[in-house]
Amino acid sequence: MNVMLEELAKFWDTHDLTDFERDLEEVSEAVFVRKEGTSLRIELQPTEAKHLKRIARSKGVKDSTLVRKWIVERLHESSSSERPPNKALQPQARKTRRG
C-alpha cells in the first residue's frame, strides 16, 4: 500500500471528523462526483475468487480494481489495429476425414 495512504489510515484510526467541525464549511454543490459507469457481475468458483483476492492483495488493490484493470488492458489490446487477432480466442475449424 502507498505510504501516504498508510499514514492517512493511521490518522483516521485515531481521529474523528467531529474533531474538525469548526474547520468544516457547508457547500451547495457536490465536491466529489463519481462518474457513472456500468456494473458487471461475474461468477467465479471459490478457488478462483481466492486466487484473485490473493493477487489483488499482493498488488495493494481491491479485487474489483484489479479485474477492471485487466479488462481495460484487454480491451485496449483488442482494439489495437497493429496487433493480429489472438488465435487462441478464435474458434478452431474441425478437420474432417474423407474416406
Protein backbone atom coordinates (compact mmCIF):
# COMPACT_ATOMS: atom_id res chain seq x y z
CA MET A 1 0.00 0.00 0.00
CA ASN A 2 1.12 3.54 -0.67
CA VAL A 3 2.96 5.08 2.33
CA MET A 4 0.77 8.18 2.20
CA LEU A 5 -2.39 6.05 2.33
CA GLU A 6 -1.00 4.13 5.30
CA GLU A 7 -0.35 7.39 7.14
CA LEU A 8 -3.86 8.62 6.38
CA ALA A 9 -5.36 5.34 7.56
CA LYS A 10 -3.43 5.53 10.85
CA PHE A 11 -4.50 9.13 11.33
CA TRP A 12 -8.21 8.40 10.79
CA ASP A 13 -7.98 5.32 13.03
CA THR A 14 -7.27 7.69 15.91
CA HIS A 15 -9.29 10.76 14.85
CA ASP A 16 -12.88 11.56 14.03
CA LEU A 17 -14.32 14.10 11.62
CA THR A 18 -16.10 15.76 14.53
CA ASP A 19 -12.64 16.74 15.83
CA PHE A 20 -12.57 19.22 12.93
CA GLU A 21 -16.16 20.54 12.97
CA ARG A 22 -15.01 24.15 13.36
CA ASP A 23 -12.92 23.83 10.18
CA LEU A 24 -15.75 22.44 8.05
CA GLU A 25 -17.98 24.53 5.84
CA GLU A 26 -21.20 23.68 4.09
CA VAL A 27 -21.15 23.57 0.31
CA SER A 28 -24.04 23.97 -2.09
CA GLU A 29 -22.70 21.68 -4.82
CA ALA A 30 -21.18 18.21 -4.70
CA VAL A 31 -17.41 18.35 -4.38
CA PHE A 32 -16.64 14.79 -5.39
CA VAL A 33 -18.81 13.43 -8.15
CA ARG A 34 -18.22 9.86 -9.21
CA LYS A 35 -18.54 9.15 -12.90
CA GLU A 36 -21.36 6.79 -13.71
CA GLY A 37 -20.33 3.51 -15.26
CA THR A 38 -21.84 0.17 -15.96
CA SER A 39 -21.53 -2.61 -13.42
CA LEU A 40 -20.87 -6.15 -14.48
CA ARG A 41 -21.39 -9.19 -12.30
CA ILE A 42 -19.28 -12.28 -12.89
CA GLU A 43 -19.43 -15.67 -11.25
CA LEU A 44 -16.19 -17.26 -10.07
CA GLN A 45 -15.50 -20.57 -8.43
CA PRO A 46 -14.43 -20.17 -4.77
CA THR A 47 -10.85 -21.16 -5.61
CA GLU A 48 -10.77 -18.61 -8.44
CA ALA A 49 -12.08 -15.88 -6.14
CA LYS A 50 -9.44 -16.72 -3.50
CA HIS A 51 -6.72 -16.63 -6.12
CA LEU A 52 -7.97 -13.27 -7.40
CA LYS A 53 -8.07 -11.82 -3.88
CA ARG A 54 -4.55 -13.08 -3.20
CA ILE A 55 -3.19 -11.43 -6.38
CA ALA A 56 -5.05 -8.18 -5.65
CA ARG A 57 -3.79 -8.11 -2.06
CA SER A 58 -0.21 -8.63 -3.26
CA LYS A 59 -0.62 -5.57 -5.50
CA GLY A 60 -2.28 -3.48 -2.78
CA VAL A 61 -5.58 -3.05 -4.61
CA LYS A 62 -9.14 -4.31 -4.30
CA ASP A 63 -10.06 -7.36 -6.33
CA SER A 64 -12.62 -5.36 -8.32
CA THR A 65 -9.96 -2.78 -9.19
CA LEU A 66 -7.63 -5.49 -10.45
CA VAL A 67 -10.33 -7.12 -12.58
CA ARG A 68 -11.29 -3.75 -14.06
CA LYS A 69 -7.62 -3.06 -14.88
CA TRP A 70 -7.28 -6.44 -16.59
CA ILE A 71 -10.45 -5.91 -18.63
CA VAL A 72 -9.44 -2.40 -19.71
CA GLU A 73 -5.97 -3.66 -20.72
CA ARG A 74 -7.51 -6.47 -22.76
CA LEU A 75 -9.96 -4.09 -24.43
CA HIS A 76 -7.11 -1.79 -25.43
CA GLU A 77 -5.16 -4.75 -26.79
CA SER A 78 -8.18 -5.97 -28.74
CA SER A 79 -8.90 -2.56 -30.25
CA SER A 80 -5.33 -2.06 -31.42
CA SER A 81 -5.18 -2.41 -35.18
CA GLU A 82 -1.45 -3.05 -35.04
CA ARG A 83 -1.76 -6.48 -33.46
CA PRO A 84 -3.08 -9.52 -35.27
CA PRO A 85 -6.10 -11.22 -33.66
CA ASN A 86 -5.38 -13.66 -30.86
CA LYS A 87 -5.76 -17.09 -32.45
CA ALA A 88 -6.25 -18.73 -29.06
CA LEU A 89 -9.58 -16.88 -28.76
CA GLN A 90 -10.80 -17.81 -32.23
CA PRO A 91 -12.82 -20.96 -32.83
CA GLN A 92 -10.86 -23.79 -34.38
CA ALA A 93 -12.07 -25.29 -37.64
CA ARG A 94 -12.70 -29.01 -37.36
CA LYS A 95 -10.81 -31.25 -39.69
CA THR A 96 -12.96 -33.90 -41.28
CA ARG A 97 -11.77 -37.18 -42.59
CA ARG A 98 -12.90 -38.08 -46.04
CA GLY A 99 -12.97 -41.68 -46.86
